[in-house]
C-alpha cells in the first residue's frame, strides 16, 4: 500500500471520527441514572481501524481523533475522561483480538471496547473525585457499554462487508497479518 494512500485513508477515518464525536457530544444524556452515559459512536472508527490497518497506524488514529475532538469542542476534563476510556478500550480490544477469529468476532471485540471504555472513564472519575464510590455506576454503565459495543460491532461488520474501500483495506490487512476475520 502506498504511503499517500495510507495517509489519506487514516485522515479520512480521523475526520469521520471527529465529526461523529462532535455530533455525539451535542446529544443530551438520556440516562439520568448513569451520568455521562453515551453511545460511543466514534468507537466505530476505532473498530474499523483495528481491522484495516497496522496497530501503529490505528493507535495514531485514536490519538489524533481524541486531540482534534478536544481542540474543536472539549475541555481538559473531557480529554482526560475520553483519553482514559479510549486507551483502555483500544488496548482491551487489541488484547481480545489476539484470541483470533475462530474464538471471537468483530462484534465481541467491539463489546469489549464498550465495556473497557466505561471502566477507563470510571477509574478516571474515581481518581479525580478521590473516591471509589463512583464505581457503583459500573454495573449499569457496563451493561450499556456492552449493548452499545454490540450495536457498533454490527455496524462495523456491515460497513466492512459492504463498503468497497473498507473491504479492500481489510483484505490487504488480513493478508499482512494472515488472519481472516470475515467472509469476502
Protein backbone atom coordinates (compact mmCIF):
# COMPACT_ATOMS: atom_id res chain seq x y z
CA UNK A 1 0.00 0.00 0.00
CA UNK A 2 1.40 3.39 -0.93
CA UNK A 3 2.19 5.87 1.84
CA UNK A 4 -0.03 8.54 0.30
CA UNK A 5 -2.98 6.16 0.04
CA UNK A 6 -2.49 5.07 3.64
CA UNK A 7 -2.24 8.67 4.90
CA UNK A 8 -5.40 9.67 3.02
CA UNK A 9 -7.28 6.68 4.45
CA UNK A 10 -6.14 7.45 8.01
CA UNK A 11 -7.00 11.14 7.55
CA UNK A 12 -10.49 10.33 6.30
CA UNK A 13 -11.15 7.99 9.22
CA UNK A 14 -9.86 10.59 11.70
CA UNK A 15 -12.12 13.25 10.15
CA UNK A 16 -15.11 10.92 10.33
CA UNK A 17 -14.31 10.04 13.94
CA UNK A 18 -14.01 13.72 14.90
CA UNK A 19 -17.32 14.60 13.23
CA UNK A 20 -19.07 11.64 14.86
CA UNK A 21 -17.55 12.55 18.24
CA UNK A 22 -18.59 16.20 17.98
CA UNK A 23 -22.12 15.27 16.90
CA UNK A 24 -22.38 12.79 19.76
CA UNK A 25 -21.26 15.48 22.22
CA UNK A 26 -24.30 17.51 21.15
CA UNK A 27 -26.72 14.70 22.05
CA UNK A 28 -28.19 15.24 25.53
CA UNK A 29 -27.55 12.48 28.04
CA UNK A 30 -30.79 10.47 28.22
CA UNK A 31 -29.67 8.27 31.11
CA UNK A 32 -30.15 10.29 34.28
CA UNK A 33 -29.38 7.18 36.35
CA UNK A 34 -25.96 6.90 34.69
CA UNK A 35 -24.27 10.28 34.29
CA UNK A 36 -22.07 10.56 31.25
CA UNK A 37 -23.58 7.53 29.50
CA UNK A 38 -23.18 7.93 25.76
CA UNK A 39 -23.46 5.67 22.75
CA UNK A 40 -19.75 5.75 21.89
CA UNK A 41 -20.40 6.09 18.17
CA UNK A 42 -16.85 7.30 17.42
CA UNK A 43 -15.66 3.86 18.50
CA UNK A 44 -16.96 2.66 15.13
CA UNK A 45 -13.94 4.34 13.55
CA UNK A 46 -11.58 2.64 16.04
CA UNK A 47 -13.07 -0.77 15.24
CA UNK A 48 -12.71 -0.17 11.51
CA UNK A 49 -9.10 0.95 12.07
CA UNK A 50 -8.30 -2.22 14.04
CA UNK A 51 -9.37 -4.34 11.10
CA UNK A 52 -7.96 -2.29 8.23
CA UNK A 53 -4.54 -1.04 9.36
CA UNK A 54 -1.50 -1.94 11.46
CA UNK A 55 -1.57 -1.31 15.22
CA UNK A 56 0.80 1.65 14.96
CA UNK A 57 -1.50 3.41 12.49
CA UNK A 58 -4.69 2.61 14.40
CA UNK A 59 -3.08 3.89 17.62
CA UNK A 60 -2.12 7.13 15.85
CA UNK A 61 -5.69 7.42 14.55
CA UNK A 62 -7.15 7.10 18.06
CA UNK A 63 -4.79 9.74 19.49
CA UNK A 64 -5.34 12.22 16.67
CA UNK A 65 -9.11 11.76 16.87
CA UNK A 66 -9.00 12.42 20.63
CA UNK A 67 -6.82 15.51 20.27
CA UNK A 68 -8.81 17.03 17.42
CA UNK A 69 -12.16 16.36 19.07
CA UNK A 70 -10.90 18.02 22.25
CA UNK A 71 -9.48 21.01 20.38
CA UNK A 72 -12.73 21.51 18.45
CA UNK A 73 -15.21 21.09 21.25
CA UNK A 74 -13.82 19.83 24.50
CA UNK A 75 -12.07 20.73 27.71
CA UNK A 76 -9.13 19.29 29.61
CA UNK A 77 -11.63 17.37 31.73
CA UNK A 78 -13.39 15.83 28.71
CA UNK A 79 -9.99 14.98 27.24
CA UNK A 80 -8.94 13.12 30.40
CA UNK A 81 -12.14 11.10 30.50
CA UNK A 82 -12.13 10.42 26.76
CA UNK A 83 -8.45 9.54 26.71
CA UNK A 84 -8.64 7.11 29.61
CA UNK A 85 -11.71 5.43 28.16
CA UNK A 86 -10.32 5.32 24.62
CA UNK A 87 -6.92 3.94 25.64
CA UNK A 88 -8.30 1.22 27.91
CA UNK A 89 -10.87 0.36 25.24
CA UNK A 90 -8.25 0.28 22.48
CA UNK A 91 -5.81 -1.95 24.36
CA UNK A 92 -8.63 -4.18 25.61
CA UNK A 93 -9.86 -4.68 22.05
CA UNK A 94 -6.32 -5.41 20.83
CA UNK A 95 -5.90 -8.00 23.58
CA UNK A 96 -9.21 -9.73 22.78
CA UNK A 97 -8.45 -9.55 19.05
CA UNK A 98 -5.31 -11.62 19.70
CA UNK A 99 -7.56 -14.55 20.62
CA UNK A 100 -8.29 -14.81 16.92
CA UNK A 101 -11.25 -15.07 14.56
CA UNK A 102 -12.01 -18.68 15.48
CA UNK A 103 -12.94 -17.66 19.02
CA UNK A 104 -14.13 -14.06 18.94
CA UNK A 105 -15.94 -11.89 16.39
CA UNK A 106 -15.68 -8.24 15.49
CA UNK A 107 -18.89 -7.79 17.50
CA UNK A 108 -17.31 -9.39 20.58
CA UNK A 109 -14.23 -7.21 20.24
CA UNK A 110 -16.43 -4.12 19.96
CA UNK A 111 -18.45 -5.15 23.03
CA UNK A 112 -15.16 -5.45 24.93
CA UNK A 113 -14.31 -1.93 23.80
CA UNK A 114 -17.64 -0.57 25.04
CA UNK A 115 -17.14 -2.18 28.44
CA UNK A 116 -13.49 -1.13 28.81
CA UNK A 117 -14.24 2.45 27.78
CA UNK A 118 -16.60 2.82 30.72
CA UNK A 119 -14.10 1.19 33.10
CA UNK A 120 -11.44 3.68 31.99
CA UNK A 121 -13.72 6.65 32.48
CA UNK A 122 -14.91 5.46 35.90
CA UNK A 123 -11.33 4.91 37.06
CA UNK A 124 -10.51 8.46 35.99
CA UNK A 125 -13.61 9.74 37.82
CA UNK A 126 -12.59 7.79 40.94
CA UNK A 127 -9.11 9.31 40.77
CA UNK A 128 -10.42 12.86 40.28
CA UNK A 129 -13.11 12.51 42.97
CA UNK A 130 -10.70 10.71 45.31
CA UNK A 131 -13.47 8.18 45.93
CA UNK A 132 -14.19 4.66 44.77
CA UNK A 133 -17.94 5.27 45.17
CA UNK A 134 -18.24 6.30 41.51
CA UNK A 135 -17.56 2.66 40.65
CA UNK A 136 -21.11 1.96 41.84
CA UNK A 137 -22.12 3.06 38.34
CA UNK A 138 -20.04 0.25 36.82
CA UNK A 139 -22.84 -2.36 36.55
CA UNK A 140 -25.26 -0.11 34.65
CA UNK A 141 -22.54 1.51 32.54
CA UNK A 142 -21.08 -1.93 31.77
CA UNK A 143 -24.44 -3.16 30.55
CA UNK A 144 -24.96 -0.04 28.42
CA UNK A 145 -21.37 -0.17 27.14
CA UNK A 146 -21.68 -3.79 26.09
CA UNK A 147 -25.02 -3.13 24.34
CA UNK A 148 -23.55 -0.13 22.56
CA UNK A 149 -20.45 -2.15 21.67
CA UNK A 150 -22.59 -4.88 20.15
CA UNK A 151 -24.50 -2.34 18.05
CA UNK A 152 -21.27 -0.68 16.91
CA UNK A 153 -19.75 -4.09 16.13
CA UNK A 154 -22.76 -4.96 13.98
CA UNK A 155 -22.40 -1.64 12.16
CA UNK A 156 -18.64 -2.20 11.68
CA UNK A 157 -19.28 -5.70 10.32
CA UNK A 158 -21.82 -4.30 7.89
CA UNK A 159 -19.53 -1.49 6.71
CA UNK A 160 -16.51 -3.77 6.35
CA UNK A 161 -18.55 -6.11 4.16
CA UNK A 162 -20.44 -3.50 2.11
CA UNK A 163 -18.08 -0.55 1.58
CA UNK A 164 -15.61 -1.45 -1.16
CA UNK A 165 -12.80 0.79 0.08
CA UNK A 166 -13.01 -0.60 3.60
CA UNK A 167 -13.21 -4.15 2.28
CA UNK A 168 -10.08 -3.63 0.16
CA UNK A 169 -8.13 -2.21 3.12
CA UNK A 170 -9.38 -5.08 5.31
CA UNK A 171 -8.31 -7.69 2.75
CA UNK A 172 -4.84 -6.11 2.49
CA UNK A 173 -4.57 -6.02 6.28
CA UNK A 174 -5.69 -9.64 6.58
CA UNK A 175 -3.06 -10.69 4.04
CA UNK A 176 -0.43 -8.81 6.02
CA UNK A 177 -1.48 -10.30 9.39
CA UNK A 178 -2.52 -13.67 7.92
CA UNK A 179 -5.78 -13.60 9.89
CA UNK A 180 -9.12 -13.61 8.07
CA UNK A 181 -11.94 -12.07 10.10
CA UNK A 182 -14.89 -12.17 7.78
CA UNK A 183 -16.07 -13.72 4.54
CA UNK A 184 -15.33 -11.64 1.45
